[in-house]
Amino acid sequence: MSTALHLDLFLQAGRDLEGAQYRVLSGLQRIQQAFSRNVIYPHLADLIALYGTLRLVAERIGDLRGAVPKRITGVDLQAGEVRYEASASFDQMAYVEELIHWALPHLQKAIEEGRTIYEFVEEHLHMEEVGIVPSYVQEGYLILPDAEAGQTHILKYTLSVFTSAEERYRSLQTSHLKSLPHRGVYPSPAALKLDLARAYPDLPNPATYFFSTELGFPYEPTTLPVAKRKLMRYLFRQGGQA
């Protein structure tokens, strides 16, 4: 979770509701300043996770009314449970509940802003296949621009699918191989693919994807995570079980 906003800020609000609200707004302001610079990661994902957790906490607090007073100590997202321990009064739960209900619309507004920026970046980050795409696409390469640094980054990707009791998950892991300088002119993707096939003969015809953009997005917090999600969705649409 990013340092701007975190679950403990809500669970340990205490009686100072106004102070807690100020800290939430201050955290949201720092996140929105990052969004204004087209910096997406990790703020958008953290906001979405926090929003879901707070909704779960708010739902479970209602289950404790009329029971022995308890203090919230944590949340188990995988089990969908809120952990408690005995407490002296209902005050802490009441303040937590009020703070959460006040904060949720503010978080939702920030999430919508972040998603709008994400969609804008994704729309202007163009992806193309390089050469003939092999049938095996679980591994391959990404070629990504870094306009701010004047470089082109080459990364290897690995696509994974794993299944839990309830649902299937998919992930795309990357490892950085090298960076090449470019002064406004991208290297030839076909030549880069040929170089990769020679350097790593375990993939003689590697699945290779070239990204380009006419805008100067930050690389680590924006271009890279958006490109990874875009490629992952593309691979699953193309092959279903890729």
Protein backbone atom coordinates (compact mmCIF):
# COMPACT_ATOMS: atom_id res chain seq x y z
CA MET A 1 0.00 0.00 0.00
CA SER A 2 1.31 3.45 -0.79
CA THR A 3 2.29 5.71 2.10
CA ALA A 4 -0.30 8.35 1.16
CA LEU A 5 -3.26 6.29 2.41
CA HIS A 6 -3.38 3.03 4.33
CA LEU A 7 -5.88 0.92 6.29
CA ASP A 8 -4.44 1.75 9.73
CA LEU A 9 -5.29 5.40 9.16
CA PHE A 10 -8.96 4.33 9.34
CA LEU A 11 -8.77 1.56 11.95
CA GLN A 12 -6.83 3.71 14.40
CA ALA A 13 -8.79 6.91 13.90
CA GLY A 14 -9.83 7.07 17.55
CA ARG A 15 -12.08 9.91 18.66
CA ASP A 16 -10.39 12.55 16.49
CA LEU A 17 -12.69 12.18 13.50
CA GLU A 18 -11.90 15.63 12.12
CA GLY A 19 -8.17 14.97 12.30
CA ALA A 20 -8.59 11.60 10.58
CA GLN A 21 -10.63 13.22 7.82
CA TYR A 22 -7.90 15.81 7.33
CA ARG A 23 -5.27 13.05 7.01
CA VAL A 24 -7.41 11.20 4.45
CA LEU A 25 -7.87 14.35 2.36
CA SER A 26 -4.15 15.10 2.61
CA GLY A 27 -3.32 11.60 1.39
CA LEU A 28 -5.79 11.90 -1.48
CA GLN A 29 -4.28 15.26 -2.44
CA ARG A 30 -0.81 13.70 -2.74
CA ILE A 31 -2.23 10.90 -4.89
CA GLN A 32 -4.07 13.34 -7.13
CA GLN A 33 -0.88 15.37 -7.53
CA ALA A 34 0.80 12.17 -8.75
CA PHE A 35 -2.09 11.58 -11.17
CA SER A 36 -1.64 15.12 -12.50
CA ARG A 37 1.91 14.08 -13.51
CA ASN A 38 0.53 10.92 -15.19
CA VAL A 39 2.03 8.80 -12.41
CA ILE A 40 -0.32 5.84 -11.99
CA TYR A 41 1.55 3.11 -10.11
CA PRO A 42 1.14 2.18 -7.31
CA HIS A 43 -1.53 4.71 -6.42
CA LEU A 44 -4.46 3.53 -8.55
CA ALA A 45 -4.11 -0.13 -7.59
CA ASP A 46 -3.68 0.82 -3.91
CA LEU A 47 -6.79 3.01 -3.98
CA ILE A 48 -8.89 0.23 -5.52
CA ALA A 49 -7.65 -2.29 -2.93
CA LEU A 50 -8.25 0.13 -0.05
CA TYR A 51 -11.74 0.96 -1.30
CA GLY A 52 -12.68 -2.72 -1.41
CA THR A 53 -11.23 -3.36 2.05
CA LEU A 54 -13.08 -0.41 3.60
CA ARG A 55 -16.36 -1.58 2.11
CA LEU A 56 -15.78 -5.00 3.68
CA VAL A 57 -15.00 -3.43 7.06
CA ALA A 58 -18.14 -1.27 6.89
CA GLU A 59 -20.30 -4.32 6.12
CA ARG A 60 -18.82 -6.38 8.95
CA ILE A 61 -19.11 -3.63 11.56
CA GLY A 62 -22.88 -3.98 11.36
CA ASP A 63 -22.57 -7.61 12.44
CA LEU A 64 -21.13 -6.51 15.79
CA ARG A 65 -23.96 -4.25 16.88
CA GLY A 66 -25.53 -5.69 20.02
CA ALA A 67 -22.60 -8.01 20.59
CA VAL A 68 -19.67 -7.72 22.97
CA PRO A 69 -17.74 -4.52 22.14
CA LYS A 70 -14.64 -5.28 20.07
CA ARG A 71 -11.76 -3.44 18.45
CA ILE A 72 -10.84 -4.02 14.81
CA THR A 73 -7.25 -5.31 14.54
CA GLY A 74 -6.98 -6.22 10.86
CA VAL A 75 -8.58 -7.55 7.70
CA ASP A 76 -8.15 -10.92 5.96
CA LEU A 77 -9.04 -10.11 2.35
CA GLN A 78 -8.59 -13.67 1.11
CA ALA A 79 -11.11 -15.00 3.64
CA GLY A 80 -13.29 -11.88 3.46
CA GLU A 81 -13.12 -11.47 7.23
CA VAL A 82 -12.40 -8.68 9.68
CA ARG A 83 -10.33 -9.60 12.77
CA TYR A 84 -11.31 -8.24 16.19
CA GLU A 85 -10.26 -8.32 19.81
CA ALA A 86 -12.15 -7.43 22.99
CA SER A 87 -12.47 -3.71 23.71
CA ALA A 88 -13.99 -1.52 26.40
CA SER A 89 -16.58 0.39 24.36
CA PHE A 90 -18.28 0.80 21.02
CA ASP A 91 -16.71 4.23 20.46
CA GLN A 92 -13.85 3.00 18.29
CA MET A 93 -16.17 1.07 15.96
CA ALA A 94 -18.55 4.01 15.70
CA TYR A 95 -15.78 6.41 14.73
CA VAL A 96 -14.29 3.93 12.26
CA GLU A 97 -17.69 3.37 10.67
CA GLU A 98 -18.39 7.10 10.36
CA LEU A 99 -14.96 7.79 8.89
CA ILE A 100 -15.30 5.00 6.34
CA HIS A 101 -18.74 6.09 5.14
CA TRP A 102 -17.45 9.66 4.81
CA ALA A 103 -14.30 8.58 2.96
CA LEU A 104 -15.72 6.11 0.42
CA PRO A 105 -17.13 8.74 -1.99
CA HIS A 106 -13.82 10.64 -1.88
CA LEU A 107 -11.90 7.47 -2.68
CA GLN A 108 -14.32 6.60 -5.48
CA LYS A 109 -13.83 10.03 -7.06
CA ALA A 110 -10.03 9.62 -6.94
CA ILE A 111 -10.30 6.10 -8.42
CA GLU A 112 -12.37 7.43 -11.32
CA GLU A 113 -9.76 10.13 -11.94
CA GLY A 114 -6.97 7.56 -11.90
CA ARG A 115 -8.84 5.25 -14.27
CA THR A 116 -9.41 8.13 -16.69
CA ILE A 117 -5.67 8.80 -16.78
CA TYR A 118 -4.94 5.07 -17.14
CA GLU A 119 -7.31 4.84 -20.11
CA PHE A 120 -5.71 7.93 -21.68
CA VAL A 121 -2.23 6.42 -21.35
CA GLU A 122 -3.40 3.05 -22.68
CA GLU A 123 -5.06 4.71 -25.68
CA HIS A 124 -1.82 6.49 -26.59
CA LEU A 125 0.48 3.53 -25.96
CA HIS A 126 0.47 1.62 -29.24
CA MET A 127 1.42 -2.05 -29.42
CA GLU A 128 2.37 -4.12 -32.45
CA GLU A 129 3.57 -7.65 -33.05
CA VAL A 130 7.11 -7.91 -34.41
CA GLY A 131 7.49 -10.38 -37.26
CA ILE A 132 5.77 -13.76 -37.25
CA VAL A 133 4.21 -14.59 -33.90
CA PRO A 134 4.95 -18.18 -32.79
CA SER A 135 2.34 -20.50 -31.30
CA TYR A 136 4.22 -20.39 -27.98
CA VAL A 137 3.64 -16.98 -26.41
CA GLN A 138 3.97 -17.81 -22.70
CA GLU A 139 7.43 -16.27 -22.91
CA GLY A 140 8.75 -13.50 -25.08
CA TYR A 141 9.96 -9.91 -25.15
CA LEU A 142 8.64 -6.36 -24.75
CA ILE A 143 10.28 -3.35 -26.37
CA LEU A 144 9.24 -0.21 -24.48
CA PRO A 145 10.03 3.48 -24.96
CA ASP A 146 11.27 5.73 -22.18
CA ALA A 147 10.95 9.24 -23.58
CA GLU A 148 12.11 10.98 -20.41
CA ALA A 149 15.39 9.04 -20.35
CA GLY A 150 15.77 8.89 -24.14
CA GLN A 151 16.01 5.11 -24.05
CA THR A 152 14.33 1.98 -25.34
CA HIS A 153 14.03 -0.80 -22.77
CA ILE A 154 13.99 -4.48 -23.67
CA LEU A 155 12.37 -6.87 -21.20
CA LYS A 156 11.62 -10.57 -21.14
CA TYR A 157 8.11 -11.54 -20.04
CA THR A 158 6.63 -14.73 -18.62
CA LEU A 159 2.87 -15.31 -18.67
CA SER A 160 1.40 -17.41 -15.86
CA VAL A 161 -2.03 -18.77 -14.96
CA PHE A 162 -2.85 -20.22 -11.56
CA THR A 163 -6.13 -21.34 -10.03
CA SER A 164 -7.49 -20.98 -6.51
CA ALA A 165 -10.56 -22.65 -5.07
CA GLU A 166 -12.84 -19.96 -6.48
CA GLU A 167 -11.19 -18.38 -9.51
CA ARG A 168 -8.34 -18.30 -11.98
CA TYR A 169 -5.62 -15.70 -11.80
CA ARG A 170 -3.22 -14.53 -14.47
CA SER A 171 -0.01 -12.59 -14.21
CA LEU A 172 2.72 -11.28 -16.47
CA GLN A 173 6.17 -11.06 -14.89
CA THR A 174 8.97 -9.11 -16.55
CA SER A 175 12.74 -8.93 -16.16
CA HIS A 176 14.83 -6.13 -17.63
CA LEU A 177 17.43 -7.25 -20.18
CA LYS A 178 18.99 -4.04 -21.48
CA SER A 179 18.40 -0.42 -22.45
CA LEU A 180 19.37 1.25 -25.71
CA PRO A 181 19.70 5.02 -26.23
CA HIS A 182 17.57 6.66 -28.87
CA ARG A 183 17.51 10.30 -29.82
CA GLY A 184 13.94 10.60 -31.00
CA VAL A 185 14.30 7.63 -33.38
CA TYR A 186 13.28 4.14 -32.29
CA PRO A 187 15.57 1.22 -33.13
CA SER A 188 14.22 -1.21 -35.70
CA PRO A 189 11.97 -3.70 -33.85
CA ALA A 190 12.76 -6.42 -36.40
CA ALA A 191 16.49 -5.96 -35.89
CA LEU A 192 16.06 -6.05 -32.12
CA LYS A 193 14.06 -9.28 -32.37
CA LEU A 194 16.79 -10.85 -34.50
CA ASP A 195 19.41 -9.80 -31.95
CA LEU A 196 17.33 -11.35 -29.15
CA ALA A 197 16.94 -14.65 -31.02
CA ARG A 198 20.71 -14.80 -31.47
CA ALA A 199 21.46 -13.87 -27.86
CA TYR A 200 18.86 -16.22 -26.35
CA PRO A 201 18.60 -19.28 -28.62
CA ASP A 202 16.16 -21.04 -26.27
CA LEU A 203 13.53 -18.87 -28.02
CA PRO A 204 14.55 -19.10 -31.71
CA ASN A 205 11.46 -17.17 -32.91
CA PRO A 206 10.44 -15.25 -29.82
CA ALA A 207 7.05 -13.62 -29.38
CA THR A 208 8.03 -9.95 -29.44
CA TYR A 209 5.87 -6.88 -28.94
CA PHE A 210 6.89 -3.32 -29.68
CA PHE A 211 5.28 -0.36 -27.91
CA SER A 212 5.44 3.25 -29.00
CA THR A 213 3.85 6.53 -27.97
CA GLU A 214 4.02 10.11 -29.13
CA LEU A 215 3.65 11.35 -25.53
CA GLY A 216 6.23 11.43 -22.75
CA PHE A 217 4.78 9.27 -19.97
CA PRO A 218 6.90 8.36 -16.93
CA TYR A 219 8.39 4.92 -17.51
CA GLU A 220 8.41 2.98 -14.22
CA PRO A 221 5.14 4.21 -12.70
CA THR A 222 3.13 4.47 -15.93
CA THR A 223 4.42 3.11 -19.24
CA LEU A 224 5.65 -0.23 -17.87
CA PRO A 225 2.57 -1.24 -15.80
CA VAL A 226 0.13 -0.11 -18.52
CA ALA A 227 2.08 -1.98 -21.22
CA LYS A 228 2.14 -5.15 -19.11
CA ARG A 229 -1.62 -5.11 -18.54
CA LYS A 230 -2.29 -4.29 -22.19
CA LEU A 231 -0.12 -7.16 -23.39
CA MET A 232 -1.58 -9.61 -20.87
CA ARG A 233 -5.14 -8.86 -21.96
CA TYR A 234 -4.13 -9.09 -25.61
CA LEU A 235 -2.52 -12.52 -25.16
CA PHE A 236 -5.56 -13.92 -23.40
CA ARG A 237 -7.92 -12.54 -26.02
CA GLN A 238 -5.83 -14.05 -28.77
CA GLY A 239 -5.34 -17.49 -27.29
CA GLY A 240 -7.77 -17.83 -24.44
CA GLN A 241 -5.49 -20.15 -22.55
CA ALA A 242 -2.19 -18.48 -23.56
